[in-house]
Structure formats: structure tokens, C-alpha cells
Amino acid sequence: MSAAVPLREDFTADDLRRLASCSRDAGQSRRLLALAQIYDGGTRTDAARIGVVGLQTVRDWVLAFNANGPAGLIDRKAPGHPPKLNQAQRQALAEIVESGPDPDRHGVVRWRRKDLAAWLYQRFRVSLDETTVGRELRRLGFAKMSARPQHYAQDPAALESFKKPLPAELMAIRARLPAGTRIELWWSDEARVGQKNTLTRLWARRGTRPRLPHDQRTQSAYIFGAICPEKGKGAALVMPWCNTSAMNAHLQEISSMVDPGAHAVLMLDGAGWHIAGDLVVPGNITLLPLPPRAPELNPVENVWQYLRDNWLGNRIFASYEEIVDQCCRAWNNLIERPWMIMSIGLRDWAYRL
């Protein structure tokens, strides 16, 4: 039998018992008390009885204590199996997920975990099951989300070319106004709400396919809505048609909501009723058109989603009058939540002045 390993000499039994009483790690306290028995002249068998372990384990404790002191007796998380993917492979996985599949080359139009597992094996000869691939994706910051439609002819450069000169454009507008006039940034858009309504996501048990009523009638109304995210306010009208007359009424409604002495810069898309020759723009509003095919620049698009998800979706409207009532109620609910308008509508690129 090998000789007993002596304990280091810079501790005493009283030191170890004092440390054990202060420790918040139950395992460390038990090991300290066992080793204190050895300092008191006890045998390794006595220490093993106190620690409720075998002699070899006591020897391991002595070695760990001699090497690292009391800290060596704290349980540490087992390292587990080494990850199958190294950092370079994870980076390659993130890049291919962000770029998306090539339908002709990869044979799919969206990545599934099984597709990515096959790609990892083909590229790196690393075999992962689908659960592990999902865990790696979450670790890389990915989640499964609904895609937002993007116009096939959208020019990404046009979005940046609108954002960058925006402060200069606002300064030019301010220069044409009386000194001291405050600028309010507003966004405007329209949404159709009708009997052929939208269905929203909802919680349901796994493996089920929830069902919701869906009308096939076609009566509808239009919400002309605008928000000023910085102030947490908005202005809207529910109209039967989307035309210049309705837009003129909407502009008057926005004008009435602009703070006294302030001037609104209203950003909106290039719909025909936004640029019509007989459009009457109030004196306290300047229209600033957004780039074509760029709805993501308009936060009112997110407002429509919020209204549908919370108050307008999953409904059956009995009549046009009910559509109007529910649209008004939904918008008024939003106006009562100015913090929500701020949360949905504020854009860093728009407030760089």
C-alpha cells in the first residue's frame, strides 16, 4: 500500500473547522471537517468515516487541498464532452443561416434543422442530430421567426440614402420656418380592415392545429393612421375609401394634433392619394416621401400588426358599422398607451439631430 500523503503545514484543524462553519458549499464543509480529523492526529479511515467516502477519495481530497488549499475542495462543474463544432465551424454555420439557402444548389427554400445537419456533415464531416443543431442555433442567437415580405425590386441602397441625409433635410425644413419652431416627426399609413379578416398566432397545445372563424364576406373600411413616436401621440380617421378626399381629412386631423407652435414633418409612402395634385396640405405640415418599396422605414406598419394582434384579428364583423366601431376602439386603445406608441415607433436613425 502506498504511503499516506502528508497534509500541508500552513493550516490547523481549528482553521479548517472555522472555514467549514463559514462555507456555503456543503461538500466543501464536509471535506474540511474530514481533513481536520487528520490534523488532529486521526487516521485516514477516521476521515473517510466523517466524509462518508472511501480511502482513495480521502487521498484525492488531500492532493487537491495541498495543491489549491480550501478552494480545491469545492465541487466544480464537470467539463462534459468537448463540443463537436469549433469556433470556425460555428461561424460558418451562422453565415450560411444568415445568407439563406440557394434553392437550386441546396434544394430547399428555407433552412430546416435536418438540412443544416446535412450541410454540416457534407462540409465538415461532423454528425449532429437535429436537437443539437437547434441548440447550436440558439447559442448563436438565432430563433425561428415569421418572415416579413420584401418587394423583389427593393433597392437596399435607397433605404440608406434616405436615412443618412434625413438630418440635413430636417434642418433645411427648419430653416424655412420661423425661428424657434419645433419639429415633430410623424409617420402616416393606411390599413384595410374587413370581414375577410386576418388570423393571428396564438398559444395552443403541441401537436394540435387550432381553428378560428374566418369570414368570406368583403365589406371593409380603411384606417388612416399617423403617429408621432417622440410625443407618444397619434391621429386617425376610419374612412370607407382610400382616396384624396379621405387623405385631406386625415391631414386636417393630424394638423389638429400637432403641438401649438410646432411643425410636423410627415413621412409617408408614394401612394397616389399622398401625391395627388388636389391634395391640401395644412400650413403646419410638410410631407416627406419615403423611398419606394420600403415599408420597413414606416413604423406605422408595426402599429397595424399590433392592432391586429391585440384587437382586430380573429374577429367576425357583422356589418360595416361594426368594422368602424372596432377600428375606432382599437385605435383609441392605442392612443391610451403613449408608451406603446413610443416603443413601436421610435427609430434611432430618425432622431440623430
Protein backbone atom coordinates (compact mmCIF):
# COMPACT_ATOMS: atom_id res chain seq x y z
CA MET A 1 0.00 0.00 0.00
CA SER A 2 1.36 3.45 -0.88
CA ALA A 3 2.39 5.78 1.91
CA ALA A 4 -0.11 8.37 3.14
CA VAL A 5 0.35 11.81 1.62
CA PRO A 6 1.02 14.37 4.40
CA LEU A 7 -1.15 17.47 4.64
CA ARG A 8 0.34 20.88 4.05
CA GLU A 9 1.58 22.54 7.24
CA ASP A 10 0.16 26.09 6.87
CA PHE A 11 -3.27 25.10 8.24
CA THR A 12 -4.50 23.63 11.52
CA ALA A 13 -7.56 21.61 12.50
CA ASP A 14 -9.12 24.72 14.05
CA ASP A 15 -8.52 26.66 10.81
CA LEU A 16 -10.37 24.02 8.78
CA ARG A 17 -13.29 23.80 11.20
CA ARG A 18 -13.64 27.59 11.16
CA LEU A 19 -13.62 27.61 7.35
CA ALA A 20 -16.18 24.78 7.31
CA SER A 21 -18.56 26.77 9.52
CA CYS A 22 -18.37 29.75 7.15
CA SER A 23 -18.56 27.87 3.85
CA ARG A 24 -21.74 27.93 1.79
CA ASP A 25 -20.71 24.79 -0.09
CA ALA A 26 -21.92 21.71 1.79
CA GLY A 27 -19.44 19.44 0.04
CA GLN A 28 -16.51 21.69 0.92
CA SER A 29 -17.59 21.83 4.58
CA ARG A 30 -17.76 18.03 4.77
CA ARG A 31 -14.28 17.64 3.25
CA LEU A 32 -12.77 20.32 5.51
CA LEU A 33 -14.14 18.55 8.61
CA ALA A 34 -12.76 15.23 7.38
CA LEU A 35 -9.28 16.69 6.85
CA ALA A 36 -9.46 18.47 10.24
CA GLN A 37 -9.68 14.99 11.79
CA ILE A 38 -6.32 14.14 10.19
CA TYR A 39 -4.77 17.36 11.54
CA ASP A 40 -5.96 16.27 15.00
CA GLY A 41 -3.99 13.04 14.63
CA GLY A 42 -6.81 10.83 13.38
CA THR A 43 -6.35 8.16 10.76
CA ARG A 44 -7.35 8.30 7.12
CA THR A 45 -10.04 5.75 8.00
CA ASP A 46 -11.50 8.20 10.57
CA ALA A 47 -11.51 10.93 7.92
CA ALA A 48 -13.21 8.59 5.44
CA ARG A 49 -15.90 7.79 8.03
CA ILE A 50 -16.59 11.50 8.62
CA GLY A 51 -16.66 12.24 4.89
CA VAL A 52 -18.71 9.07 4.15
CA VAL A 53 -16.30 8.12 1.35
CA GLY A 54 -13.54 5.62 0.65
CA LEU A 55 -9.84 5.94 1.41
CA GLN A 56 -8.96 6.71 -2.22
CA THR A 57 -11.36 9.66 -2.18
CA VAL A 58 -9.75 10.97 1.01
CA ARG A 59 -6.38 10.73 -0.75
CA ASP A 60 -7.83 12.77 -3.68
CA TRP A 61 -9.07 15.40 -1.21
CA VAL A 62 -5.62 15.63 0.38
CA LEU A 63 -3.96 16.11 -3.01
CA ALA A 64 -6.49 18.78 -4.04
CA PHE A 65 -6.13 20.55 -0.66
CA ASN A 66 -2.35 20.51 -0.83
CA ALA A 67 -2.41 21.94 -4.35
CA ASN A 68 -5.11 24.63 -4.01
CA GLY A 69 -5.95 24.98 -0.34
CA PRO A 70 -9.62 25.09 0.79
CA ALA A 71 -10.70 26.20 -2.71
CA GLY A 72 -9.54 22.84 -4.04
CA LEU A 73 -12.30 21.12 -2.06
CA ILE A 74 -15.18 22.90 -3.82
CA ASP A 75 -17.15 20.89 -6.35
CA ARG A 76 -16.59 22.16 -9.84
CA LYS A 77 -18.82 21.65 -12.82
CA ALA A 78 -17.73 18.69 -14.86
CA PRO A 79 -16.34 19.76 -18.22
CA GLY A 80 -18.53 17.30 -20.09
CA HIS A 81 -17.88 16.23 -23.65
CA PRO A 82 -15.98 18.69 -25.83
CA PRO A 83 -18.24 20.49 -28.32
CA LYS A 84 -18.42 18.90 -31.74
CA LEU A 85 -18.27 22.27 -33.50
CA ASN A 86 -15.29 24.55 -33.13
CA GLN A 87 -15.49 28.32 -33.35
CA ALA A 88 -14.73 28.44 -37.09
CA GLN A 89 -17.44 25.87 -37.83
CA ARG A 90 -19.96 27.80 -35.73
CA GLN A 91 -19.09 30.96 -37.63
CA ALA A 92 -19.64 29.15 -40.95
CA LEU A 93 -22.99 27.86 -39.68
CA ALA A 94 -24.07 31.39 -38.68
CA GLU A 95 -23.06 32.78 -42.07
CA ILE A 96 -24.99 30.20 -44.09
CA VAL A 97 -28.10 30.63 -41.92
CA GLU A 98 -27.98 34.41 -42.39
CA SER A 99 -27.44 34.16 -46.15
CA GLY A 100 -30.22 31.59 -46.56
CA PRO A 101 -30.30 28.57 -48.87
CA ASP A 102 -29.89 28.66 -52.63
CA PRO A 103 -32.93 26.70 -53.92
CA ASP A 104 -31.04 25.41 -56.96
CA ARG A 105 -27.93 24.35 -55.06
CA HIS A 106 -29.39 23.26 -51.71
CA GLY A 107 -32.80 22.06 -52.93
CA VAL A 108 -34.79 23.93 -50.24
CA VAL A 109 -36.22 27.44 -49.89
CA ARG A 110 -35.76 27.66 -46.11
CA TRP A 111 -33.36 26.03 -43.72
CA ARG A 112 -34.63 23.24 -41.50
CA ARG A 113 -32.52 21.72 -38.78
CA LYS A 114 -32.19 18.48 -40.74
CA ASP A 115 -30.94 20.46 -43.77
CA LEU A 116 -28.32 22.23 -41.66
CA ALA A 117 -27.28 18.93 -40.08
CA ALA A 118 -26.74 17.51 -43.59
CA TRP A 119 -24.80 20.62 -44.63
CA LEU A 120 -22.54 20.38 -41.56
CA TYR A 121 -21.77 16.75 -42.34
CA GLN A 122 -21.12 17.45 -46.01
CA ARG A 123 -18.92 20.47 -45.25
CA PHE A 124 -17.06 19.39 -42.08
CA ARG A 125 -17.85 15.69 -41.69
CA VAL A 126 -19.39 16.50 -38.30
CA SER A 127 -22.50 14.48 -37.46
CA LEU A 128 -25.12 16.27 -35.32
CA ASP A 129 -28.74 15.39 -34.64
CA GLU A 130 -31.50 17.96 -35.16
CA THR A 131 -31.79 18.76 -31.44
CA THR A 132 -28.10 19.61 -31.21
CA VAL A 133 -28.32 21.77 -34.34
CA GLY A 134 -31.22 23.68 -32.77
CA ARG A 135 -29.22 24.17 -29.57
CA GLU A 136 -26.25 25.48 -31.56
CA LEU A 137 -28.51 27.90 -33.45
CA ARG A 138 -29.96 29.28 -30.22
CA ARG A 139 -26.46 29.65 -28.80
CA LEU A 140 -25.55 31.69 -31.90
CA GLY A 141 -28.53 33.99 -31.32
CA PHE A 142 -30.96 32.55 -33.89
CA ALA A 143 -34.66 31.89 -33.36
CA LYS A 144 -37.43 30.71 -35.66
CA MET A 145 -39.37 33.78 -36.80
CA SER A 146 -42.03 34.75 -39.31
CA ALA A 147 -40.51 36.37 -42.38
CA ARG A 148 -41.64 39.83 -43.43
CA PRO A 149 -42.45 40.32 -47.12
CA GLN A 150 -39.91 42.30 -49.10
CA HIS A 151 -40.55 43.72 -52.54
CA TYR A 152 -38.46 41.89 -55.10
CA ALA A 153 -37.36 45.18 -56.69
CA GLN A 154 -36.41 46.94 -53.45
CA ASP A 155 -33.11 48.80 -53.59
CA PRO A 156 -31.32 48.42 -50.21
CA ALA A 157 -29.12 51.40 -51.06
CA ALA A 158 -32.24 53.58 -51.31
CA LEU A 159 -33.05 52.91 -47.66
CA GLU A 160 -29.64 54.08 -46.50
CA SER A 161 -29.67 57.05 -48.87
CA PHE A 162 -32.92 58.15 -47.20
CA LYS A 163 -31.68 57.69 -43.61
CA LYS A 164 -28.30 59.41 -43.93
CA PRO A 165 -29.41 62.78 -45.37
CA LEU A 166 -32.56 62.93 -43.19
CA PRO A 167 -30.97 65.25 -40.56
CA ALA A 168 -29.89 67.65 -43.30
CA GLU A 169 -33.38 67.63 -44.84
CA LEU A 170 -34.96 68.35 -41.47
CA MET A 171 -32.53 71.22 -40.92
CA ALA A 172 -33.46 72.62 -44.33
CA ILE A 173 -37.16 72.44 -43.43
CA ARG A 174 -36.49 74.12 -40.09
CA ALA A 175 -34.56 76.89 -41.85
CA ARG A 176 -37.70 77.81 -43.82
CA LEU A 177 -39.79 78.09 -40.65
CA PRO A 178 -39.94 80.93 -38.13
CA ALA A 179 -37.09 80.91 -35.63
CA GLY A 180 -37.68 78.64 -32.64
CA THR A 181 -40.24 76.41 -34.37
CA ARG A 182 -40.10 72.88 -33.01
CA ILE A 183 -40.11 69.94 -35.42
CA GLU A 184 -42.32 66.91 -34.79
CA LEU A 185 -41.63 63.75 -36.80
CA TRP A 186 -44.78 61.95 -37.87
CA TRP A 187 -45.37 58.83 -39.95
CA SER A 188 -48.60 58.01 -41.79
CA ASP A 189 -50.10 54.96 -43.50
CA GLU A 190 -53.40 53.24 -44.23
CA ALA A 191 -54.68 49.79 -43.34
CA ARG A 192 -57.67 47.93 -44.71
CA VAL A 193 -59.81 46.16 -42.11
CA GLY A 194 -62.66 44.00 -43.36
CA GLN A 195 -64.83 40.97 -42.95
CA LYS A 196 -62.22 38.80 -44.67
CA ASN A 197 -60.06 39.33 -41.61
CA THR A 198 -56.60 38.18 -40.53
CA LEU A 199 -55.80 35.25 -38.24
CA THR A 200 -53.10 35.76 -35.63
CA ARG A 201 -50.71 33.42 -33.85
CA LEU A 202 -52.00 32.01 -30.57
CA TRP A 203 -50.98 29.60 -27.84
CA ALA A 204 -52.11 26.01 -28.38
CA ARG A 205 -51.07 22.54 -27.28
CA ARG A 206 -48.24 20.95 -29.22
CA GLY A 207 -49.43 18.65 -31.97
CA THR A 208 -52.78 20.44 -32.40
CA ARG A 209 -53.91 22.74 -35.20
CA PRO A 210 -56.08 25.47 -33.62
CA ARG A 211 -59.07 26.67 -35.63
CA LEU A 212 -60.51 30.19 -35.77
CA PRO A 213 -63.55 31.57 -37.61
CA HIS A 214 -62.75 33.25 -40.93
CA ASP A 215 -65.38 35.25 -42.78
CA GLN A 216 -65.59 35.26 -46.57
CA ARG A 217 -67.62 38.46 -46.95
CA THR A 218 -65.91 41.54 -48.32
CA GLN A 219 -67.16 44.67 -46.58
CA SER A 220 -64.24 46.75 -45.33
CA ALA A 221 -63.05 50.12 -44.07
CA TYR A 222 -59.71 51.90 -44.03
CA ILE A 223 -57.84 53.27 -41.05
CA PHE A 224 -55.88 56.39 -41.96
CA GLY A 225 -53.39 56.45 -39.09
CA ALA A 226 -50.40 58.59 -38.15
CA ILE A 227 -48.13 58.57 -35.10
CA CYS A 228 -45.58 60.91 -33.53
CA PRO A 229 -43.41 58.45 -31.58
CA GLU A 230 -41.36 61.07 -29.76
CA LYS A 231 -44.51 62.52 -28.19
CA GLY A 232 -46.39 59.21 -27.92
CA LYS A 233 -49.42 60.58 -29.75
CA GLY A 234 -51.34 59.81 -32.91
CA ALA A 235 -54.18 60.84 -35.18
CA ALA A 236 -56.51 58.63 -37.21
CA LEU A 237 -59.76 58.50 -39.14
CA VAL A 238 -61.73 55.46 -40.28
CA MET A 239 -62.90 56.02 -43.85
CA PRO A 240 -64.91 53.98 -46.37
CA TRP A 241 -62.50 54.70 -49.24
CA CYS A 242 -58.80 55.26 -49.82
CA ASN A 243 -58.71 58.44 -51.93
CA THR A 244 -57.56 62.05 -51.93
CA SER A 245 -60.65 63.32 -50.10
CA ALA A 246 -60.04 60.90 -47.27
CA MET A 247 -56.38 61.89 -47.17
CA ASN A 248 -57.27 65.58 -46.99
CA ALA A 249 -59.48 64.86 -43.98
CA HIS A 250 -56.66 62.85 -42.41
CA LEU A 251 -54.18 65.70 -42.89
CA GLN A 252 -56.56 68.04 -41.12
CA GLU A 253 -56.81 65.57 -38.24
CA ILE A 254 -53.01 65.33 -37.98
CA SER A 255 -52.73 69.13 -38.14
CA SER A 256 -55.04 69.45 -35.15
CA MET A 257 -52.81 67.12 -33.12
CA VAL A 258 -49.55 68.97 -33.76
CA ASP A 259 -48.46 70.93 -30.70
CA PRO A 260 -49.11 74.71 -30.87
CA GLY A 261 -46.13 76.48 -32.38
CA ALA A 262 -44.66 73.23 -33.73
CA HIS A 263 -44.35 71.98 -37.32
CA ALA A 264 -44.91 68.36 -38.38
CA VAL A 265 -42.71 66.58 -40.90
CA LEU A 266 -44.97 63.79 -42.11
CA MET A 267 -43.25 60.79 -43.73
CA LEU A 268 -45.39 58.59 -45.93
CA ASP A 269 -45.14 56.35 -48.98
CA GLY A 270 -45.83 57.27 -52.59
CA ALA A 271 -49.47 56.15 -52.83
CA GLY A 272 -51.50 58.12 -55.38
CA TRP A 273 -53.63 59.90 -52.77
CA HIS A 274 -50.42 61.02 -50.99
CA ILE A 275 -49.08 62.88 -54.03
CA ALA A 276 -52.31 63.94 -55.79
CA GLY A 277 -52.38 67.41 -57.29
CA ASP A 278 -55.52 68.37 -55.37
CA LEU A 279 -54.09 67.32 -52.02
CA VAL A 280 -54.47 70.16 -49.47
CA VAL A 281 -51.56 70.18 -47.03
CA PRO A 282 -52.09 72.29 -43.87
CA GLY A 283 -49.56 75.00 -43.15
CA ASN A 284 -48.11 73.25 -40.10
CA ILE A 285 -47.27 70.07 -42.04
CA THR A 286 -44.52 69.28 -44.54
CA LEU A 287 -44.75 66.00 -46.46
CA LEU A 288 -41.56 63.95 -46.81
CA PRO A 289 -41.96 60.94 -49.14
CA LEU A 290 -40.32 57.63 -48.22
CA PRO A 291 -38.35 55.64 -50.80
CA PRO A 292 -40.46 53.32 -52.97
CA ARG A 293 -40.94 49.70 -51.88
CA ALA A 294 -39.55 50.35 -48.40
CA PRO A 295 -42.36 49.76 -45.85
CA GLU A 296 -39.84 48.88 -43.13
CA LEU A 297 -38.98 52.57 -42.87
CA ASN A 298 -42.52 53.32 -41.73
CA PRO A 299 -43.23 52.32 -38.09
CA VAL A 300 -46.99 52.59 -38.69
CA GLU A 301 -46.65 49.20 -40.42
CA ASN A 302 -45.78 47.80 -36.98
CA VAL A 303 -48.73 49.65 -35.47
CA TRP A 304 -51.11 47.78 -37.81
CA GLN A 305 -49.62 44.48 -36.71
CA TYR A 306 -50.06 45.45 -33.06
CA LEU A 307 -53.71 46.44 -33.60
CA ARG A 308 -54.49 43.22 -35.46
CA ASP A 309 -52.72 41.00 -32.93
CA ASN A 310 -54.49 42.56 -29.95
CA TRP A 311 -57.91 43.88 -31.02
CA LEU A 312 -58.78 43.44 -34.71
CA GLY A 313 -57.63 39.96 -35.71
CA ASN A 314 -59.59 36.70 -35.21
CA ARG A 315 -62.93 38.56 -35.42
CA ILE A 316 -66.13 38.21 -37.40
CA PHE A 317 -67.61 41.62 -38.26
CA ALA A 318 -71.38 41.53 -38.69
CA SER A 319 -71.58 44.80 -40.64
CA TYR A 320 -69.65 47.81 -41.91
CA GLU A 321 -70.75 49.75 -38.84
CA GLU A 322 -69.18 47.14 -36.58
CA ILE A 323 -65.94 47.32 -38.56
CA VAL A 324 -65.84 51.08 -38.00
CA ASP A 325 -66.66 50.73 -34.29
CA GLN A 326 -63.94 48.13 -33.70
CA CYS A 327 -61.36 50.10 -35.67
CA CYS A 328 -62.11 53.21 -33.62
CA ARG A 329 -61.96 51.23 -30.39
CA ALA A 330 -58.63 49.65 -31.34
CA TRP A 331 -57.07 53.00 -32.25
CA ASN A 332 -58.36 54.65 -29.07
CA ASN A 333 -56.86 51.78 -27.07
CA LEU A 334 -53.53 52.53 -28.70
CA ILE A 335 -53.79 56.28 -28.00
CA GLU A 336 -54.35 55.48 -24.32
CA ARG A 337 -50.92 53.78 -24.36
CA PRO A 338 -48.46 56.53 -25.37
CA TRP A 339 -45.57 54.41 -24.10
CA MET A 340 -46.56 51.74 -26.63
CA ILE A 341 -46.52 54.26 -29.47
CA MET A 342 -43.01 55.25 -28.37
CA SER A 343 -41.88 51.64 -28.10
CA ILE A 344 -43.25 50.68 -31.51
CA GLY A 345 -42.42 53.85 -33.39
CA LEU A 346 -39.10 55.29 -32.23
CA ARG A 347 -36.27 54.80 -34.73
CA ASP A 348 -32.69 55.71 -33.86
CA TRP A 349 -31.88 56.77 -37.41
CA ALA A 350 -34.70 59.33 -37.39
CA TYR A 351 -33.61 61.15 -34.21
CA ARG A 352 -29.93 61.81 -34.82
CA LEU A 353 -30.27 65.58 -34.73
